[in-house]
Amino acid sequence: MTNYKITIQQRIFEQLVDKKSFTRAELDKAIWVAQGNKFEFNRRRGYYGTNLQAWINNKLVKKIKRGVFKITSRGKLYLTDRGRCNKIVRTERDKRQRANLKRREESRRLYEQSIDKHVDPFKSLIGTTIKSVRRLSSTELKDLGWSKNPLVLVLNNGTCLIPQLDDEGNDGGAVLHYNYRDEKETKIIYTT
C-alpha cells in the first residue's frame, strides 16, 4: 500500500464502512465530521448530492433504496489502497468515454448516411436549368385540393419543382430564395 495523505473522502468512508447501511443524514454528518467541523452538525439537505452521485457512479457507494446506502467492496478498497482503486475507476471511466465516443461517431456516420440517402435520388437535378416559371393553373389547384398557389419551376429536362406546405402535399408552399453573396437580396417566393 502506497502512503498517501488521508483524504476527506477516506475519513467519511472510515466512519461508515462498518455499518451494514447508512442513511443520507448519517452520510451528511460523516462529511461534516470529516471536514473537521467542531461545532454542532446542522444538516443541509442536498448539499453533498453531487459527491454522493459521483461515488455511486464510481461504484464506491451503492444505493440500497431511497435515502439508504452502503459502502461497496470498491469503497473499502479506496480505504486501504486509494491508488489502485483510483486506477480501476479511471480505467472504467476511460472505457465508458471510448464507448461513448464510438457511439457518437457511429450516430454521426448513420446520420450522414441518411442525409446522403435522402440527397442521392435528387442528384439527377444537377446540371438542369430552369426553363420557365409559372403558377399552378386553377385546374391543377383544384386537382391537388390546394388553396395556396406556389411558384412552379419548370426545368429543361421536362420536369418541374413545385413547393408544398409539407411532405404530405397538404397545400402549396413558399420558397426561400437565399443569396449567399448578398443576404439583403434574399427573398421569399410566396404563395398566392
N, C-alpha and C. Protein backbone atom coordinates (compact mmCIF):
# COMPACT_ATOMS: atom_id res chain seq x y z
N MET A 1 0.84 -1.18 0.00
CA MET A 1 0.00 0.00 0.00
C MET A 1 0.89 1.24 0.00
N THR A 2 0.57 2.17 -0.91
CA THR A 2 1.31 3.42 -1.00
C THR A 2 0.81 4.37 0.07
N ASN A 3 1.74 5.12 0.65
CA ASN A 3 1.35 6.09 1.67
C ASN A 3 0.89 7.38 1.02
N TYR A 4 -0.35 7.71 1.22
CA TYR A 4 -0.93 8.96 0.74
C TYR A 4 -1.44 9.73 1.94
N LYS A 5 -1.58 11.01 1.76
CA LYS A 5 -2.23 11.81 2.77
C LYS A 5 -3.71 11.38 2.78
N ILE A 6 -4.27 11.18 3.94
CA ILE A 6 -5.66 10.74 4.04
C ILE A 6 -6.59 11.84 3.55
N THR A 7 -7.56 11.46 2.75
CA THR A 7 -8.48 12.43 2.16
C THR A 7 -9.75 12.53 3.02
N ILE A 8 -10.50 13.59 2.77
CA ILE A 8 -11.80 13.74 3.45
C ILE A 8 -12.69 12.56 3.09
N GLN A 9 -12.63 12.15 1.83
CA GLN A 9 -13.45 11.01 1.39
C GLN A 9 -13.10 9.76 2.20
N GLN A 10 -11.82 9.52 2.44
CA GLN A 10 -11.42 8.36 3.25
C GLN A 10 -11.93 8.51 4.68
N ARG A 11 -11.86 9.72 5.22
CA ARG A 11 -12.37 9.93 6.58
C ARG A 11 -13.87 9.63 6.66
N ILE A 12 -14.58 10.02 5.61
CA ILE A 12 -16.03 9.75 5.56
C ILE A 12 -16.26 8.24 5.53
N PHE A 13 -15.55 7.56 4.62
CA PHE A 13 -15.73 6.12 4.47
C PHE A 13 -15.35 5.38 5.75
N GLU A 14 -14.31 5.85 6.44
CA GLU A 14 -13.91 5.21 7.70
C GLU A 14 -15.04 5.23 8.72
N GLN A 15 -15.80 6.32 8.74
CA GLN A 15 -16.91 6.43 9.69
C GLN A 15 -18.08 5.51 9.32
N LEU A 16 -18.21 5.18 8.04
CA LEU A 16 -19.40 4.46 7.57
C LEU A 16 -19.14 3.01 7.18
N VAL A 17 -17.88 2.63 7.01
CA VAL A 17 -17.54 1.33 6.44
C VAL A 17 -18.06 0.14 7.26
N ASP A 18 -18.10 0.27 8.57
CA ASP A 18 -18.53 -0.85 9.41
C ASP A 18 -20.05 -0.96 9.54
N LYS A 19 -20.76 0.00 9.03
CA LYS A 19 -22.22 -0.04 9.10
C LYS A 19 -22.74 -0.91 7.95
N LYS A 20 -23.76 -1.70 8.23
CA LYS A 20 -24.39 -2.51 7.19
C LYS A 20 -24.99 -1.58 6.12
N SER A 21 -25.58 -0.48 6.57
CA SER A 21 -26.11 0.55 5.68
C SER A 21 -26.15 1.85 6.47
N PHE A 22 -26.30 2.94 5.74
CA PHE A 22 -26.39 4.25 6.39
C PHE A 22 -27.36 5.12 5.62
N THR A 23 -27.91 6.09 6.33
CA THR A 23 -28.89 7.00 5.71
C THR A 23 -28.18 8.21 5.16
N ARG A 24 -28.90 8.98 4.41
CA ARG A 24 -28.36 10.22 3.86
C ARG A 24 -27.97 11.17 4.99
N ALA A 25 -28.77 11.21 6.04
CA ALA A 25 -28.46 12.07 7.19
C ALA A 25 -27.16 11.64 7.85
N GLU A 26 -26.94 10.32 7.97
CA GLU A 26 -25.68 9.83 8.56
C GLU A 26 -24.50 10.17 7.66
N LEU A 27 -24.70 10.09 6.35
CA LEU A 27 -23.65 10.46 5.41
C LEU A 27 -23.30 11.94 5.56
N ASP A 28 -24.33 12.78 5.60
CA ASP A 28 -24.10 14.22 5.75
C ASP A 28 -23.33 14.52 7.04
N LYS A 29 -23.67 13.82 8.11
CA LYS A 29 -22.97 14.04 9.38
C LYS A 29 -21.52 13.57 9.28
N ALA A 30 -21.29 12.42 8.60
CA ALA A 30 -19.93 11.91 8.44
C ALA A 30 -19.08 12.91 7.63
N ILE A 31 -19.68 13.51 6.62
CA ILE A 31 -18.97 14.52 5.82
C ILE A 31 -18.63 15.72 6.71
N TRP A 32 -19.61 16.13 7.51
CA TRP A 32 -19.42 17.26 8.43
C TRP A 32 -18.24 17.02 9.36
N VAL A 33 -18.20 15.84 9.95
CA VAL A 33 -17.12 15.48 10.89
C VAL A 33 -15.79 15.38 10.14
N ALA A 34 -15.80 14.72 8.96
CA ALA A 34 -14.56 14.52 8.18
C ALA A 34 -13.95 15.85 7.75
N GLN A 35 -14.78 16.86 7.59
CA GLN A 35 -14.28 18.18 7.22
C GLN A 35 -13.66 18.92 8.40
N GLY A 36 -13.76 18.31 9.58
CA GLY A 36 -13.13 18.89 10.75
C GLY A 36 -13.96 19.95 11.45
N ASN A 37 -15.24 19.98 11.18
CA ASN A 37 -16.11 20.95 11.83
C ASN A 37 -16.25 20.60 13.31
N LYS A 38 -16.02 21.56 14.16
CA LYS A 38 -16.05 21.34 15.62
C LYS A 38 -17.41 21.68 16.21
N PHE A 39 -18.14 22.58 15.57
CA PHE A 39 -19.43 22.99 16.13
C PHE A 39 -20.51 21.98 15.73
N GLU A 40 -21.66 22.15 16.32
CA GLU A 40 -22.75 21.19 16.17
C GLU A 40 -23.16 21.01 14.70
N PHE A 41 -23.43 19.75 14.34
CA PHE A 41 -23.85 19.40 12.98
C PHE A 41 -25.20 20.02 12.67
N ASN A 42 -25.27 20.69 11.53
CA ASN A 42 -26.51 21.31 11.07
C ASN A 42 -26.77 20.77 9.67
N ARG A 43 -27.68 19.82 9.56
CA ARG A 43 -27.92 19.14 8.28
C ARG A 43 -28.54 20.09 7.26
N ARG A 44 -27.89 20.15 6.10
CA ARG A 44 -28.39 20.95 4.98
C ARG A 44 -28.71 20.00 3.84
N ARG A 45 -29.97 19.80 3.57
CA ARG A 45 -30.40 18.84 2.55
C ARG A 45 -29.85 19.19 1.17
N GLY A 46 -29.38 18.13 0.47
CA GLY A 46 -28.96 18.29 -0.90
C GLY A 46 -27.57 18.87 -1.09
N TYR A 47 -26.94 19.29 -0.02
CA TYR A 47 -25.67 19.99 -0.13
C TYR A 47 -24.56 19.11 -0.70
N TYR A 48 -24.57 17.80 -0.39
CA TYR A 48 -23.49 16.90 -0.80
C TYR A 48 -23.93 15.94 -1.92
N GLY A 49 -25.04 16.23 -2.58
CA GLY A 49 -25.60 15.33 -3.58
C GLY A 49 -24.68 15.02 -4.74
N THR A 50 -23.90 15.99 -5.19
CA THR A 50 -23.01 15.78 -6.33
C THR A 50 -21.93 14.76 -5.99
N ASN A 51 -21.32 14.90 -4.80
CA ASN A 51 -20.30 13.94 -4.38
C ASN A 51 -20.88 12.55 -4.26
N LEU A 52 -22.04 12.45 -3.64
CA LEU A 52 -22.67 11.15 -3.46
C LEU A 52 -22.94 10.49 -4.82
N GLN A 53 -23.45 11.24 -5.78
CA GLN A 53 -23.72 10.68 -7.10
C GLN A 53 -22.43 10.21 -7.77
N ALA A 54 -21.35 10.95 -7.61
CA ALA A 54 -20.06 10.55 -8.18
C ALA A 54 -19.59 9.24 -7.53
N TRP A 55 -19.76 9.10 -6.22
CA TRP A 55 -19.37 7.87 -5.54
C TRP A 55 -20.20 6.69 -6.02
N ILE A 56 -21.48 6.93 -6.25
CA ILE A 56 -22.35 5.86 -6.77
C ILE A 56 -21.91 5.49 -8.18
N ASN A 57 -21.67 6.49 -9.02
CA ASN A 57 -21.23 6.24 -10.40
C ASN A 57 -19.90 5.49 -10.45
N ASN A 58 -19.02 5.77 -9.51
CA ASN A 58 -17.71 5.11 -9.45
C ASN A 58 -17.75 3.80 -8.67
N LYS A 59 -18.94 3.40 -8.24
CA LYS A 59 -19.18 2.12 -7.54
C LYS A 59 -18.45 2.04 -6.21
N LEU A 60 -18.29 3.19 -5.55
CA LEU A 60 -17.71 3.22 -4.21
C LEU A 60 -18.81 3.10 -3.16
N VAL A 61 -19.98 3.60 -3.52
CA VAL A 61 -21.16 3.55 -2.65
C VAL A 61 -22.30 2.98 -3.49
N LYS A 62 -23.14 2.18 -2.83
CA LYS A 62 -24.30 1.61 -3.52
C LYS A 62 -25.56 2.12 -2.85
N LYS A 63 -26.51 2.53 -3.68
CA LYS A 63 -27.82 2.95 -3.17
C LYS A 63 -28.65 1.69 -2.98
N ILE A 64 -29.10 1.46 -1.76
CA ILE A 64 -29.91 0.28 -1.45
C ILE A 64 -31.37 0.59 -1.74
N LYS A 65 -31.82 1.70 -1.25
CA LYS A 65 -33.16 2.20 -1.53
C LYS A 65 -33.11 3.70 -1.29
N ARG A 66 -34.23 4.36 -1.48
CA ARG A 66 -34.26 5.81 -1.35
C ARG A 66 -33.72 6.25 0.02
N GLY A 67 -32.64 7.03 -0.02
CA GLY A 67 -32.05 7.58 1.20
C GLY A 67 -31.22 6.62 2.03
N VAL A 68 -30.99 5.39 1.53
CA VAL A 68 -30.21 4.40 2.26
C VAL A 68 -29.11 3.86 1.34
N PHE A 69 -27.87 3.82 1.88
CA PHE A 69 -26.70 3.48 1.08
C PHE A 69 -25.79 2.53 1.86
N LYS A 70 -24.78 2.00 1.14
CA LYS A 70 -23.74 1.23 1.82
C LYS A 70 -22.42 1.40 1.07
N ILE A 71 -21.33 1.22 1.79
CA ILE A 71 -20.01 1.27 1.18
C ILE A 71 -19.80 -0.07 0.48
N THR A 72 -19.34 -0.04 -0.78
CA THR A 72 -19.12 -1.27 -1.55
C THR A 72 -17.72 -1.82 -1.27
N SER A 73 -17.43 -2.97 -1.86
CA SER A 73 -16.08 -3.53 -1.72
C SER A 73 -15.05 -2.60 -2.37
N ARG A 74 -15.45 -1.92 -3.43
CA ARG A 74 -14.53 -0.96 -4.05
C ARG A 74 -14.31 0.23 -3.12
N GLY A 75 -15.36 0.65 -2.42
CA GLY A 75 -15.22 1.72 -1.45
C GLY A 75 -14.26 1.32 -0.32
N LYS A 76 -14.32 0.04 0.07
CA LYS A 76 -13.39 -0.48 1.10
C LYS A 76 -11.97 -0.50 0.55
N LEU A 77 -11.83 -0.84 -0.75
CA LEU A 77 -10.51 -0.81 -1.38
C LEU A 77 -9.96 0.61 -1.37
N TYR A 78 -10.82 1.61 -1.57
CA TYR A 78 -10.41 3.01 -1.55
C TYR A 78 -9.78 3.35 -0.19
N LEU A 79 -10.30 2.75 0.87
CA LEU A 79 -9.75 2.99 2.21
C LEU A 79 -8.35 2.41 2.37
N THR A 80 -8.14 1.23 1.79
CA THR A 80 -6.86 0.53 2.00
C THR A 80 -5.82 0.80 0.93
N ASP A 81 -6.28 1.00 -0.32
CA ASP A 81 -5.34 1.22 -1.43
C ASP A 81 -5.97 2.20 -2.43
N ARG A 82 -5.91 3.46 -2.07
CA ARG A 82 -6.55 4.51 -2.87
C ARG A 82 -6.02 4.55 -4.30
N GLY A 83 -4.73 4.39 -4.47
CA GLY A 83 -4.13 4.44 -5.81
C GLY A 83 -4.68 3.36 -6.72
N ARG A 84 -4.76 2.13 -6.21
CA ARG A 84 -5.29 1.01 -7.01
C ARG A 84 -6.76 1.25 -7.34
N CYS A 85 -7.51 1.71 -6.35
CA CYS A 85 -8.93 1.99 -6.55
C CYS A 85 -9.13 3.08 -7.61
N ASN A 86 -8.36 4.15 -7.51
CA ASN A 86 -8.48 5.24 -8.48
C ASN A 86 -8.12 4.78 -9.89
N LYS A 87 -7.15 3.86 -9.98
CA LYS A 87 -6.76 3.32 -11.28
C LYS A 87 -7.92 2.53 -11.89
N ILE A 88 -8.61 1.75 -11.08
CA ILE A 88 -9.78 0.99 -11.56
C ILE A 88 -10.86 1.95 -12.03
N VAL A 89 -11.11 2.98 -11.23
CA VAL A 89 -12.15 3.97 -11.57
C VAL A 89 -11.79 4.67 -12.87
N ARG A 90 -10.52 5.09 -13.01
CA ARG A 90 -10.08 5.77 -14.24
C ARG A 90 -10.20 4.86 -15.46
N THR A 91 -9.81 3.59 -15.30
CA THR A 91 -9.89 2.63 -16.40
C THR A 91 -11.33 2.47 -16.86
N GLU A 92 -12.25 2.32 -15.90
CA GLU A 92 -13.67 2.20 -16.26
C GLU A 92 -14.20 3.47 -16.91
N ARG A 93 -13.81 4.64 -16.37
CA ARG A 93 -14.25 5.91 -16.94
C ARG A 93 -13.74 6.06 -18.37
N ASP A 94 -12.46 5.72 -18.59
CA ASP A 94 -11.89 5.83 -19.93
C ASP A 94 -12.59 4.88 -20.90
N LYS A 95 -12.93 3.69 -20.41
CA LYS A 95 -13.64 2.71 -21.24
C LYS A 95 -15.02 3.25 -21.62
N ARG A 96 -15.72 3.85 -20.64
CA ARG A 96 -17.04 4.44 -20.93
C ARG A 96 -16.91 5.59 -21.93
N GLN A 97 -15.88 6.42 -21.76
CA GLN A 97 -15.68 7.55 -22.66
C GLN A 97 -15.39 7.08 -24.08
N ARG A 98 -14.57 6.03 -24.21
CA ARG A 98 -14.29 5.48 -25.54
C ARG A 98 -15.56 4.92 -26.17
N ALA A 99 -16.35 4.21 -25.36
CA ALA A 99 -17.61 3.64 -25.86
C ALA A 99 -18.57 4.76 -26.27
N ASN A 100 -18.64 5.83 -25.47
CA ASN A 100 -19.50 6.97 -25.81
C ASN A 100 -19.04 7.64 -27.09
N LEU A 101 -17.73 7.80 -27.23
CA LEU A 101 -17.17 8.40 -28.44
C LEU A 101 -17.50 7.53 -29.65
N LYS A 102 -17.35 6.23 -29.49
CA LYS A 102 -17.65 5.30 -30.58
C LYS A 102 -19.12 5.39 -30.96
N ARG A 103 -20.01 5.46 -29.95
CA ARG A 103 -21.44 5.60 -30.22
C ARG A 103 -21.75 6.90 -30.94
N ARG A 104 -21.11 8.00 -30.49
CA ARG A 104 -21.33 9.29 -31.14
C ARG A 104 -20.85 9.27 -32.60
N GLU A 105 -19.67 8.66 -32.81
CA GLU A 105 -19.14 8.56 -34.18
C GLU A 105 -20.06 7.72 -35.06
N GLU A 106 -20.57 6.62 -34.52
CA GLU A 106 -21.49 5.76 -35.28
C GLU A 106 -22.79 6.50 -35.57
N SER A 107 -23.30 7.24 -34.60
CA SER A 107 -24.51 8.03 -34.81
C SER A 107 -24.27 9.07 -35.90
N ARG A 108 -23.12 9.72 -35.85
CA ARG A 108 -22.79 10.73 -36.86
C ARG A 108 -22.70 10.09 -38.25
N ARG A 109 -22.06 8.91 -38.32
CA ARG A 109 -21.92 8.20 -39.59
C ARG A 109 -23.30 7.82 -40.14
N LEU A 110 -24.16 7.30 -39.28
CA LEU A 110 -25.51 6.92 -39.71
C LEU A 110 -26.31 8.14 -40.14
N TYR A 111 -26.13 9.25 -39.42
CA TYR A 111 -26.82 10.48 -39.78
C TYR A 111 -26.37 10.94 -41.17
N GLU A 112 -25.06 10.94 -41.39
CA GLU A 112 -24.54 11.37 -42.69
C GLU A 112 -25.00 10.43 -43.80
N GLN A 113 -25.05 9.13 -43.52
CA GLN A 113 -25.57 8.17 -44.50
C GLN A 113 -27.02 8.47 -44.82
N SER A 114 -27.81 8.77 -43.78
CA SER A 114 -29.22 9.05 -44.01
C SER A 114 -29.39 10.33 -44.82
N ILE A 115 -28.52 11.31 -44.58
CA ILE A 115 -28.57 12.54 -45.36
C ILE A 115 -28.27 12.22 -46.82
N ASP A 116 -27.20 11.44 -47.05
CA ASP A 116 -26.85 11.05 -48.42
C ASP A 116 -27.99 10.27 -49.06
N LYS A 117 -28.61 9.37 -48.29
CA LYS A 117 -29.70 8.55 -48.80
C LYS A 117 -30.86 9.42 -49.27
N HIS A 118 -31.06 10.53 -48.59
CA HIS A 118 -32.16 11.41 -48.94
C HIS A 118 -31.77 12.47 -49.98
N VAL A 119 -30.47 12.57 -50.28
CA VAL A 119 -30.00 13.52 -51.27
C VAL A 119 -29.76 12.82 -52.61
N ASP A 120 -29.25 11.60 -52.56
CA ASP A 120 -28.87 10.87 -53.77
C ASP A 120 -29.97 10.82 -54.84
N PRO A 121 -31.23 10.57 -54.50
CA PRO A 121 -32.25 10.50 -55.56
C PRO A 121 -32.42 11.80 -56.34
N PHE A 122 -31.91 12.90 -55.80
CA PHE A 122 -32.11 14.20 -56.45
C PHE A 122 -30.86 14.70 -57.17
N LYS A 123 -29.83 13.88 -57.20
CA LYS A 123 -28.61 14.29 -57.88
C LYS A 123 -28.82 14.40 -59.39
N SER A 124 -29.89 13.79 -59.89
CA SER A 124 -30.21 13.93 -61.31
C SER A 124 -30.57 15.37 -61.67
N LEU A 125 -30.89 16.19 -60.66
CA LEU A 125 -31.21 17.60 -60.90
C LEU A 125 -29.97 18.44 -61.21
N ILE A 126 -28.79 17.89 -60.87
CA ILE A 126 -27.55 18.64 -61.10
C ILE A 126 -27.39 18.88 -62.60
N GLY A 127 -27.17 20.12 -62.95
CA GLY A 127 -26.96 20.48 -64.35
C GLY A 127 -28.24 20.90 -65.06
N THR A 128 -29.40 20.61 -64.48
CA THR A 128 -30.63 21.08 -65.12
C THR A 128 -30.74 22.58 -64.91
N THR A 129 -31.50 23.20 -65.76
CA THR A 129 -31.71 24.65 -65.63
C THR A 129 -33.20 24.93 -65.60
N ILE A 130 -33.52 26.08 -65.05
CA ILE A 130 -34.92 26.49 -65.01
C ILE A 130 -35.26 27.08 -66.37
N LYS A 131 -36.20 26.44 -67.04
CA LYS A 131 -36.62 26.86 -68.39
C LYS A 131 -37.65 27.98 -68.30
N SER A 132 -38.55 27.85 -67.30
CA SER A 132 -39.57 28.89 -67.12
C SER A 132 -40.14 28.79 -65.70
N VAL A 133 -40.88 29.82 -65.32
CA VAL A 133 -41.58 29.81 -64.03
C VAL A 133 -43.03 30.18 -64.30
N ARG A 134 -43.93 29.62 -63.50
CA ARG A 134 -45.34 29.92 -63.63
C ARG A 134 -46.04 29.58 -62.32
N ARG A 135 -47.27 29.91 -62.20
CA ARG A 135 -48.10 29.49 -61.07
C ARG A 135 -48.93 28.30 -61.54
N LEU A 136 -49.44 27.52 -60.59
CA LEU A 136 -50.33 26.42 -60.94
C LEU A 136 -51.62 26.99 -61.55
N SER A 137 -52.17 26.25 -62.47
CA SER A 137 -53.45 26.68 -63.06
C SER A 137 -54.57 26.38 -62.08
N SER A 138 -55.72 26.97 -62.29
CA SER A 138 -56.87 26.73 -61.40
C SER A 138 -57.27 25.25 -61.43
N THR A 139 -57.12 24.60 -62.60
CA THR A 139 -57.43 23.16 -62.70
C THR A 139 -56.45 22.35 -61.85
N GLU A 140 -55.14 22.69 -61.94
CA GLU A 140 -54.13 21.98 -61.16
C GLU A 140 -54.39 22.17 -59.66
N LEU A 141 -54.72 23.40 -59.27
CA LEU A 141 -55.02 23.67 -57.85
C LEU A 141 -56.21 22.84 -57.38
N LYS A 142 -57.25 22.77 -58.23
CA LYS A 142 -58.45 22.01 -57.88
C LYS A 142 -58.11 20.52 -57.77
N ASP A 143 -57.34 19.99 -58.73
CA ASP A 143 -56.95 18.56 -58.70
C ASP A 143 -56.15 18.23 -57.44
N LEU A 144 -55.29 19.15 -57.01
CA LEU A 144 -54.46 18.93 -55.81
C LEU A 144 -55.25 19.23 -54.52
N GLY A 145 -56.32 19.98 -54.63
CA GLY A 145 -57.09 20.36 -53.45
C GLY A 145 -56.41 21.45 -52.64
N TRP A 146 -55.64 22.28 -53.33
CA TRP A 146 -54.87 23.32 -52.66
C TRP A 146 -55.57 24.66 -52.76
N SER A 147 -55.38 25.49 -51.71
CA SER A 147 -55.88 26.87 -51.76
C SER A 147 -54.73 27.86 -51.98
N LYS A 148 -53.51 27.44 -51.70
CA LYS A 148 -52.35 28.31 -51.88
C LYS A 148 -51.66 27.95 -53.18
N ASN A 149 -51.35 28.93 -53.97
CA ASN A 149 -50.78 28.70 -55.29
C ASN A 149 -49.28 29.01 -55.28
N PRO A 150 -48.42 27.96 -55.31
CA PRO A 150 -46.97 28.17 -55.29
C PRO A 150 -46.43 28.44 -56.69
N LEU A 151 -45.20 28.91 -56.73
CA LEU A 151 -44.48 29.11 -57.98
C LEU A 151 -44.00 27.74 -58.48
N VAL A 152 -44.19 27.44 -59.75
CA VAL A 152 -43.73 26.19 -60.35
C VAL A 152 -42.46 26.51 -61.13
N LEU A 153 -41.40 25.76 -60.84
CA LEU A 153 -40.13 25.93 -61.55
C LEU A 153 -40.07 24.83 -62.61
N VAL A 154 -40.23 25.20 -63.87
CA VAL A 154 -40.21 24.25 -64.98
C VAL A 154 -38.76 24.09 -65.43
N LEU A 155 -38.29 22.84 -65.43
CA LEU A 155 -36.89 22.55 -65.74
C LEU A 155 -36.73 22.14 -67.20
N ASN A 156 -35.50 22.22 -67.69
CA ASN A 156 -35.21 21.91 -69.09
C ASN A 156 -35.24 20.41 -69.40
N ASN A 157 -35.37 19.56 -68.40
CA ASN A 157 -35.41 18.12 -68.65
C ASN A 157 -36.84 17.57 -68.67
N GLY A 158 -37.83 18.46 -68.72
CA GLY A 158 -39.23 18.05 -68.80
C GLY A 158 -39.88 17.82 -67.45
N THR A 159 -39.17 18.14 -66.36
CA THR A 159 -39.74 18.01 -65.02
C THR A 159 -39.95 19.40 -64.44
N CYS A 160 -40.58 19.45 -63.26
CA CYS A 160 -40.74 20.74 -62.60
C CYS A 160 -40.64 20.55 -61.09
N LEU A 161 -40.39 21.63 -60.40
CA LEU A 161 -40.34 21.65 -58.94
C LEU A 161 -41.51 22.48 -58.46
N ILE A 162 -42.32 21.88 -57.54
CA ILE A 162 -43.49 22.58 -57.01
C ILE A 162 -43.38 22.58 -55.48
N PRO A 163 -43.17 23.72 -54.86
CA PRO A 163 -43.09 23.78 -53.40
C PRO A 163 -44.42 23.39 -52.75
N GLN A 164 -44.34 22.56 -51.72
CA GLN A 164 -45.52 22.13 -50.96
C GLN A 164 -45.41 22.62 -49.53
N LEU A 165 -46.54 22.66 -48.85
CA LEU A 165 -46.60 23.05 -47.45
C LEU A 165 -45.85 22.05 -46.57
N ASP A 166 -45.97 20.76 -46.90
CA ASP A 166 -45.33 19.69 -46.12
C ASP A 166 -45.10 18.48 -47.00
N ASP A 167 -44.52 17.43 -46.41
CA ASP A 167 -44.22 16.21 -47.16
C ASP A 167 -45.47 15.52 -47.70
N GLU A 168 -46.60 15.75 -47.06
CA GLU A 168 -47.83 15.08 -47.46
C GLU A 168 -48.55 15.81 -48.59
N GLY A 169 -48.08 16.98 -48.97
CA GLY A 169 -48.70 17.73 -50.05
C GLY A 169 -50.04 18.33 -49.67
N ASN A 170 -50.15 18.80 -48.43
CA ASN A 170 -51.42 19.36 -47.95
C ASN A 170 -51.79 20.70 -48.57
N ASP A 171 -50.81 21.42 -49.09
CA ASP A 171 -51.10 22.69 -49.76
C ASP A 171 -49.81 23.15 -50.43
N GLY A 172 -49.93 24.20 -51.23
CA GLY A 172 -48.75 24.78 -51.86
C GLY A 172 -47.90 25.49 -50.82
N GLY A 173 -46.60 25.62 -51.09
CA GLY A 173 -45.71 26.22 -50.11
C GLY A 173 -44.84 27.32 -50.67
N ALA A 174 -44.27 28.08 -49.78
CA ALA A 174 -43.36 29.17 -50.14
C ALA A 174 -41.94 28.62 -50.26
N VAL A 175 -41.06 29.40 -50.90
CA VAL A 175 -39.66 29.00 -51.07
C VAL A 175 -38.79 30.17 -50.63
N LEU A 176 -37.72 29.85 -49.92
CA LEU A 176 -36.73 30.87 -49.56
C LEU A 176 -35.71 30.94 -50.70
N HIS A 177 -35.58 32.09 -51.32
CA HIS A 177 -34.57 32.31 -52.35
C HIS A 177 -33.43 33.05 -51.68
N TYR A 178 -32.41 32.30 -51.27
CA TYR A 178 -31.33 32.84 -50.46
C TYR A 178 -30.15 33.23 -51.34
N ASN A 179 -29.61 34.41 -51.13
CA ASN A 179 -28.46 34.89 -51.88
C ASN A 179 -27.24 34.81 -50.97
N TYR A 180 -26.35 33.88 -51.23
CA TYR A 180 -25.16 33.69 -50.41
C TYR A 180 -24.21 34.89 -50.49
N ARG A 181 -24.22 35.59 -51.61
CA ARG A 181 -23.30 36.72 -51.79
C ARG A 181 -23.82 38.00 -51.17
N ASP A 182 -25.15 38.13 -51.12
CA ASP A 182 -25.73 39.36 -50.58
C ASP A 182 -27.04 39.02 -49.89
N GLU A 183 -26.98 38.88 -48.57
CA GLU A 183 -28.17 38.47 -47.81
C GLU A 183 -29.33 39.47 -47.97
N LYS A 184 -29.02 40.72 -48.29
CA LYS A 184 -30.07 41.72 -48.49
C LYS A 184 -30.93 41.38 -49.70
N GLU A 185 -30.38 40.61 -50.62
CA GLU A 185 -31.10 40.20 -51.83
C GLU A 185 -31.94 38.94 -51.61
N THR A 186 -31.89 38.35 -50.42
CA THR A 186 -32.67 37.15 -50.12
C THR A 186 -34.15 37.49 -50.13
N LYS A 187 -34.95 36.61 -50.77
CA LYS A 187 -36.39 36.85 -50.91
C LYS A 187 -37.18 35.58 -50.62
N ILE A 188 -38.42 35.78 -50.29
CA ILE A 188 -39.36 34.67 -50.15
C ILE A 188 -40.19 34.61 -51.42
N ILE A 189 -40.22 33.43 -52.06
CA ILE A 189 -41.12 33.22 -53.18
C ILE A 189 -42.42 32.75 -52.56
N TYR A 190 -43.36 33.63 -52.43
CA TYR A 190 -44.59 33.41 -51.67
C TYR A 190 -45.63 32.67 -52.49
N THR A 191 -46.65 32.19 -51.79
CA THR A 191 -47.80 31.60 -52.46
C THR A 191 -48.84 32.70 -52.67
N THR A 192 -49.73 32.48 -53.64
CA THR A 192 -50.80 33.47 -53.87
C THR A 192 -52.13 32.86 -53.50
